Each structure stands twice: as C-alpha cells, then as structure tokens.
Amino acid sequence: MAIESCQGSYNAQCFADSGSAAPYCVLISASGSHRTTGYRAFLQKESSVDALLSFALCHERTTEPDFETLAAFQVTLAVESLTRVTEVRIRDKKGEHVVAVENLPTLLPTCSA
C-alpha cells in the first residue's frame, strides 16, 4: 500500500514527565475525515534541520471494503523531549503548519513514547 499525505486539524501539548528519562512529553494529535472508508491515518516523526520537532500526517489504503461515507479519524503520537517545546511543525497535503504547543502542568507519569 502506498503512503500518501493526508490533511487534518492539529493540537499539541507539552508537560513535564517525571515518569521517564526525558523531562518533557509532547502529545501531538490530528483529526479529520476521509470521503470513503479504507484509509489508515497516522503521524510520523521526520528529521528536521532546525530546532522544531517535525511530523507528517499520512494515510495509506487498507484492505477493508471501500464505502462512500464520511469516515472520521483521530490519531495521537507521544514523543519525549529534553526541553520544553513551544511549537511543532506538521507537514500534510496542504503544506507545512507550525502549531503552537500548549504547555500543561505536570501530569501523572503516563508518557511511554
């Protein structure tokens, strides 16, 4: 199956993570919809030439039947960071987006990036 760029809406949060080796955890989520079923959406980390964490929102066809109906999706990715993150870059079908990161107070140690 071919991996293609997808498009969506984004949210990112950063919090201190006392339960892992890295002091911070960043949660990036994407949501959107496809006009048919049969797609699996996912976020993947990309290499970056600058300090911003970079990701791509992609999708690939599955072997599921293809029905013409609105198929909503939401995907989330957790990554560890050595520093507090204020912005992330997400590349999708419409181009690059710089998303402001909401910094949260310390949460329970649940990040297992």
N, C-alpha and C. Protein backbone atom coordinates (compact mmCIF):
# COMPACT_ATOMS: atom_id res chain seq x y z
N MET A 1 0.84 -1.18 0.00
CA MET A 1 0.00 0.00 0.00
C MET A 1 0.89 1.26 0.00
N ALA A 2 0.52 2.23 -0.79
CA ALA A 2 1.29 3.47 -0.90
C ALA A 2 0.93 4.43 0.23
N ILE A 3 1.94 5.05 0.80
CA ILE A 3 1.73 6.06 1.83
C ILE A 3 1.60 7.41 1.14
N GLU A 4 0.54 8.16 1.48
CA GLU A 4 0.27 9.47 0.90
C GLU A 4 0.09 10.50 1.99
N SER A 5 0.26 11.78 1.64
CA SER A 5 -0.03 12.86 2.59
C SER A 5 -1.52 12.93 2.82
N CYS A 6 -1.89 13.26 4.05
CA CYS A 6 -3.28 13.41 4.45
C CYS A 6 -3.47 14.86 4.88
N GLN A 7 -4.64 15.25 5.29
CA GLN A 7 -4.83 16.59 5.84
C GLN A 7 -5.73 16.51 7.06
N GLY A 8 -5.54 17.45 7.98
CA GLY A 8 -6.32 17.42 9.20
C GLY A 8 -6.19 18.71 9.99
N SER A 9 -6.70 18.65 11.21
CA SER A 9 -6.58 19.73 12.19
C SER A 9 -5.67 19.22 13.31
N TYR A 10 -4.93 20.13 13.95
CA TYR A 10 -3.88 19.70 14.86
C TYR A 10 -3.97 20.34 16.23
N ASN A 11 -3.46 19.60 17.21
CA ASN A 11 -3.37 20.07 18.58
C ASN A 11 -2.08 19.48 19.15
N ALA A 12 -1.37 20.26 19.95
CA ALA A 12 -0.14 19.77 20.57
C ALA A 12 -0.07 20.27 22.00
N GLN A 13 0.40 19.40 22.88
CA GLN A 13 0.53 19.72 24.30
C GLN A 13 1.87 19.21 24.81
N CYS A 14 2.44 19.92 25.75
CA CYS A 14 3.71 19.53 26.36
C CYS A 14 3.52 19.57 27.88
N PHE A 15 4.05 18.57 28.56
CA PHE A 15 4.00 18.58 30.02
C PHE A 15 5.26 17.92 30.57
N ALA A 16 5.59 18.32 31.81
CA ALA A 16 6.74 17.70 32.49
C ALA A 16 6.38 16.26 32.80
N ASP A 17 7.31 15.36 32.51
CA ASP A 17 7.05 13.93 32.68
C ASP A 17 8.05 13.35 33.67
N SER A 18 7.62 13.17 34.89
CA SER A 18 8.51 12.65 35.92
C SER A 18 8.67 11.14 35.84
N GLY A 19 7.93 10.49 34.95
CA GLY A 19 7.97 9.03 34.88
C GLY A 19 8.88 8.47 33.81
N SER A 20 9.63 9.30 33.10
CA SER A 20 10.51 8.77 32.05
C SER A 20 11.89 9.41 32.15
N ALA A 21 12.77 8.98 31.27
CA ALA A 21 14.14 9.51 31.27
C ALA A 21 14.19 10.95 30.78
N ALA A 22 13.29 11.33 29.88
CA ALA A 22 13.25 12.71 29.37
C ALA A 22 12.36 13.55 30.26
N PRO A 23 12.72 14.81 30.49
CA PRO A 23 11.93 15.64 31.40
C PRO A 23 10.58 16.10 30.84
N TYR A 24 10.36 16.02 29.53
CA TYR A 24 9.10 16.50 28.95
C TYR A 24 8.51 15.46 27.99
N CYS A 25 7.21 15.50 27.88
CA CYS A 25 6.49 14.67 26.93
C CYS A 25 5.63 15.59 26.07
N VAL A 26 5.63 15.36 24.78
CA VAL A 26 4.83 16.16 23.84
C VAL A 26 3.80 15.22 23.19
N LEU A 27 2.53 15.61 23.28
CA LEU A 27 1.45 14.86 22.64
C LEU A 27 0.97 15.65 21.43
N ILE A 28 1.02 15.04 20.27
CA ILE A 28 0.56 15.67 19.04
C ILE A 28 -0.65 14.87 18.56
N SER A 29 -1.75 15.56 18.28
CA SER A 29 -2.93 14.84 17.78
C SER A 29 -3.42 15.51 16.51
N ALA A 30 -3.97 14.68 15.64
CA ALA A 30 -4.52 15.14 14.36
C ALA A 30 -5.90 14.51 14.20
N SER A 31 -6.82 15.29 13.67
CA SER A 31 -8.15 14.75 13.40
C SER A 31 -8.61 15.25 12.04
N GLY A 32 -9.50 14.51 11.43
CA GLY A 32 -10.00 14.87 10.12
C GLY A 32 -10.97 13.82 9.63
N SER A 33 -11.18 13.78 8.34
CA SER A 33 -12.09 12.77 7.78
C SER A 33 -11.69 12.45 6.35
N HIS A 34 -12.11 11.29 5.92
CA HIS A 34 -11.96 10.85 4.53
C HIS A 34 -13.35 10.70 3.95
N ARG A 35 -13.46 10.82 2.63
CA ARG A 35 -14.77 10.68 1.98
C ARG A 35 -15.19 9.22 1.82
N THR A 36 -14.25 8.32 2.04
CA THR A 36 -14.57 6.90 1.97
C THR A 36 -13.87 6.17 3.11
N THR A 37 -14.31 4.97 3.38
CA THR A 37 -13.61 4.13 4.35
C THR A 37 -12.39 3.53 3.66
N GLY A 38 -11.61 2.77 4.38
CA GLY A 38 -10.48 2.07 3.78
C GLY A 38 -9.15 2.79 3.87
N TYR A 39 -9.03 3.81 4.73
CA TYR A 39 -7.76 4.51 4.93
C TYR A 39 -7.35 4.39 6.40
N ARG A 40 -6.05 4.29 6.64
CA ARG A 40 -5.50 4.33 7.99
C ARG A 40 -4.61 5.56 8.07
N ALA A 41 -4.98 6.51 8.94
CA ALA A 41 -4.20 7.74 9.12
C ALA A 41 -3.19 7.54 10.25
N PHE A 42 -2.04 8.24 10.14
CA PHE A 42 -1.02 8.15 11.18
C PHE A 42 -0.09 9.35 11.10
N LEU A 43 0.54 9.66 12.22
CA LEU A 43 1.58 10.70 12.31
C LEU A 43 2.93 10.01 12.33
N GLN A 44 3.89 10.55 11.62
CA GLN A 44 5.24 10.01 11.70
C GLN A 44 6.24 11.14 11.90
N LYS A 45 7.24 10.86 12.74
CA LYS A 45 8.27 11.86 13.04
C LYS A 45 9.19 11.99 11.84
N GLU A 46 9.58 13.22 11.54
CA GLU A 46 10.50 13.49 10.44
C GLU A 46 11.76 14.15 10.99
N SER A 47 12.84 14.03 10.26
CA SER A 47 14.06 14.74 10.67
C SER A 47 13.88 16.22 10.35
N SER A 48 14.57 17.04 11.11
CA SER A 48 14.43 18.48 10.96
C SER A 48 15.80 19.14 10.91
N VAL A 49 15.92 20.19 10.11
CA VAL A 49 17.19 20.92 10.02
C VAL A 49 17.28 22.03 11.06
N ASP A 50 16.14 22.36 11.70
CA ASP A 50 16.17 23.39 12.74
C ASP A 50 15.70 22.76 14.06
N ALA A 51 15.43 23.60 15.04
CA ALA A 51 15.11 23.10 16.37
C ALA A 51 13.67 22.59 16.53
N LEU A 52 12.80 22.85 15.55
CA LEU A 52 11.41 22.41 15.68
C LEU A 52 11.26 20.91 15.49
N LEU A 53 10.46 20.28 16.36
CA LEU A 53 10.08 18.89 16.13
C LEU A 53 9.19 18.87 14.89
N SER A 54 9.44 17.92 13.99
CA SER A 54 8.70 17.87 12.72
C SER A 54 8.02 16.52 12.54
N PHE A 55 6.79 16.57 12.03
CA PHE A 55 5.98 15.38 11.83
C PHE A 55 5.27 15.48 10.49
N ALA A 56 4.81 14.34 9.99
CA ALA A 56 4.00 14.30 8.77
C ALA A 56 2.71 13.56 9.09
N LEU A 57 1.58 14.08 8.60
CA LEU A 57 0.31 13.37 8.69
C LEU A 57 0.14 12.62 7.37
N CYS A 58 0.03 11.32 7.46
CA CYS A 58 -0.06 10.46 6.28
C CYS A 58 -1.25 9.52 6.41
N HIS A 59 -1.58 8.90 5.28
CA HIS A 59 -2.54 7.81 5.32
C HIS A 59 -2.15 6.77 4.26
N GLU A 60 -2.68 5.57 4.46
CA GLU A 60 -2.47 4.52 3.48
C GLU A 60 -3.76 3.72 3.34
N ARG A 61 -3.94 3.14 2.18
CA ARG A 61 -5.11 2.32 1.92
C ARG A 61 -4.99 1.03 2.72
N THR A 62 -6.11 0.52 3.16
CA THR A 62 -6.14 -0.77 3.84
C THR A 62 -6.85 -1.77 2.94
N THR A 63 -6.98 -2.97 3.41
CA THR A 63 -7.69 -3.99 2.64
C THR A 63 -9.17 -4.03 3.01
N GLU A 64 -9.62 -3.09 3.85
CA GLU A 64 -11.03 -3.03 4.22
C GLU A 64 -11.87 -2.62 3.01
N PRO A 65 -13.14 -3.00 3.01
CA PRO A 65 -14.02 -2.57 1.91
C PRO A 65 -14.10 -1.05 1.84
N ASP A 66 -14.31 -0.54 0.64
CA ASP A 66 -14.35 0.90 0.40
C ASP A 66 -15.81 1.35 0.27
N PHE A 67 -16.32 2.01 1.31
CA PHE A 67 -17.70 2.51 1.29
C PHE A 67 -17.67 4.02 1.17
N GLU A 68 -18.52 4.59 0.37
CA GLU A 68 -18.60 6.04 0.23
C GLU A 68 -19.43 6.61 1.37
N THR A 69 -18.74 6.97 2.42
CA THR A 69 -19.34 7.56 3.61
C THR A 69 -18.26 8.40 4.30
N LEU A 70 -18.65 9.35 5.07
CA LEU A 70 -17.69 10.19 5.79
C LEU A 70 -17.06 9.35 6.91
N ALA A 71 -15.77 9.17 6.86
CA ALA A 71 -15.04 8.34 7.83
C ALA A 71 -14.10 9.23 8.62
N ALA A 72 -14.47 9.55 9.85
CA ALA A 72 -13.65 10.43 10.71
C ALA A 72 -12.46 9.65 11.26
N PHE A 73 -11.37 10.38 11.54
CA PHE A 73 -10.20 9.77 12.18
C PHE A 73 -9.61 10.72 13.21
N GLN A 74 -8.92 10.14 14.18
CA GLN A 74 -8.11 10.90 15.13
C GLN A 74 -6.92 10.04 15.48
N VAL A 75 -5.73 10.63 15.38
CA VAL A 75 -4.51 9.92 15.72
C VAL A 75 -3.70 10.78 16.69
N THR A 76 -2.96 10.12 17.57
CA THR A 76 -2.14 10.82 18.55
C THR A 76 -0.77 10.17 18.60
N LEU A 77 0.25 10.98 18.78
CA LEU A 77 1.62 10.50 18.89
C LEU A 77 2.26 11.18 20.10
N ALA A 78 2.95 10.40 20.93
CA ALA A 78 3.66 10.94 22.09
C ALA A 78 5.16 10.83 21.82
N VAL A 79 5.88 11.92 22.06
CA VAL A 79 7.34 11.91 21.92
C VAL A 79 7.96 12.56 23.15
N GLU A 80 9.13 12.06 23.52
CA GLU A 80 9.85 12.63 24.64
C GLU A 80 10.74 13.77 24.16
N SER A 81 10.99 14.73 25.04
CA SER A 81 11.83 15.86 24.70
C SER A 81 12.69 16.24 25.90
N LEU A 82 13.90 16.66 25.63
CA LEU A 82 14.80 17.11 26.70
C LEU A 82 14.52 18.54 27.11
N THR A 83 13.79 19.29 26.26
CA THR A 83 13.46 20.68 26.57
C THR A 83 11.96 20.91 26.43
N ARG A 84 11.47 21.97 27.03
CA ARG A 84 10.06 22.34 26.89
C ARG A 84 9.83 22.78 25.44
N VAL A 85 8.78 22.30 24.83
CA VAL A 85 8.50 22.56 23.42
C VAL A 85 7.41 23.62 23.32
N THR A 86 7.61 24.62 22.43
CA THR A 86 6.60 25.67 22.27
C THR A 86 5.90 25.61 20.91
N GLU A 87 6.54 24.96 19.92
CA GLU A 87 5.95 24.83 18.58
C GLU A 87 6.41 23.51 17.96
N VAL A 88 5.54 22.95 17.12
CA VAL A 88 5.91 21.79 16.31
C VAL A 88 5.53 22.08 14.86
N ARG A 89 6.21 21.42 13.94
CA ARG A 89 5.91 21.57 12.51
C ARG A 89 5.22 20.28 12.05
N ILE A 90 4.10 20.45 11.34
CA ILE A 90 3.40 19.30 10.78
C ILE A 90 3.22 19.53 9.29
N ARG A 91 3.67 18.57 8.50
CA ARG A 91 3.54 18.62 7.05
C ARG A 91 2.37 17.72 6.64
N ASP A 92 1.50 18.25 5.81
CA ASP A 92 0.38 17.46 5.32
C ASP A 92 0.11 17.80 3.86
N LYS A 93 -1.03 17.36 3.36
CA LYS A 93 -1.39 17.55 1.95
C LYS A 93 -1.45 19.03 1.56
N LYS A 94 -1.76 19.91 2.52
CA LYS A 94 -1.87 21.34 2.24
C LYS A 94 -0.58 22.10 2.49
N GLY A 95 0.49 21.43 2.90
CA GLY A 95 1.76 22.10 3.14
C GLY A 95 2.24 21.96 4.57
N GLU A 96 3.07 22.92 5.00
CA GLU A 96 3.61 22.89 6.36
C GLU A 96 2.80 23.80 7.27
N HIS A 97 2.61 23.34 8.50
CA HIS A 97 1.90 24.10 9.51
C HIS A 97 2.77 24.15 10.76
N VAL A 98 2.93 25.32 11.33
CA VAL A 98 3.60 25.45 12.62
C VAL A 98 2.50 25.58 13.66
N VAL A 99 2.46 24.61 14.57
CA VAL A 99 1.39 24.51 15.55
C VAL A 99 1.93 24.92 16.92
N ALA A 100 1.26 25.88 17.57
CA ALA A 100 1.64 26.29 18.92
C ALA A 100 1.34 25.15 19.89
N VAL A 101 2.26 24.92 20.81
CA VAL A 101 2.11 23.85 21.79
C VAL A 101 1.60 24.44 23.09
N GLU A 102 0.55 23.84 23.63
CA GLU A 102 0.01 24.25 24.92
C GLU A 102 0.84 23.57 26.01
N ASN A 103 1.45 24.37 26.88
CA ASN A 103 2.23 23.80 27.97
C ASN A 103 1.33 23.59 29.18
N LEU A 104 1.30 22.36 29.64
CA LEU A 104 0.43 21.95 30.73
C LEU A 104 1.23 21.73 32.01
N PRO A 105 0.56 21.78 33.15
CA PRO A 105 1.26 21.43 34.39
C PRO A 105 1.58 19.93 34.37
N THR A 106 2.39 19.50 35.30
CA THR A 106 2.79 18.10 35.38
C THR A 106 1.56 17.21 35.49
N LEU A 107 1.56 16.15 34.69
CA LEU A 107 0.50 15.15 34.73
C LEU A 107 1.04 13.88 35.35
N LEU A 108 0.18 12.92 35.52
CA LEU A 108 0.65 11.62 36.01
C LEU A 108 1.65 11.03 35.03
N PRO A 109 2.60 10.25 35.48
CA PRO A 109 3.61 9.71 34.58
C PRO A 109 3.02 8.64 33.65
N THR A 110 2.54 9.06 32.49
CA THR A 110 1.89 8.12 31.57
C THR A 110 2.53 8.10 30.20
N CYS A 111 3.49 8.94 29.94
CA CYS A 111 4.08 9.03 28.61
C CYS A 111 5.07 7.89 28.39
N SER A 112 4.80 7.05 27.41
CA SER A 112 5.74 5.98 27.08
C SER A 112 6.07 6.07 25.61
N ALA A 113 6.64 7.21 25.23
CA ALA A 113 6.95 7.48 23.81
C ALA A 113 7.98 6.51 23.28
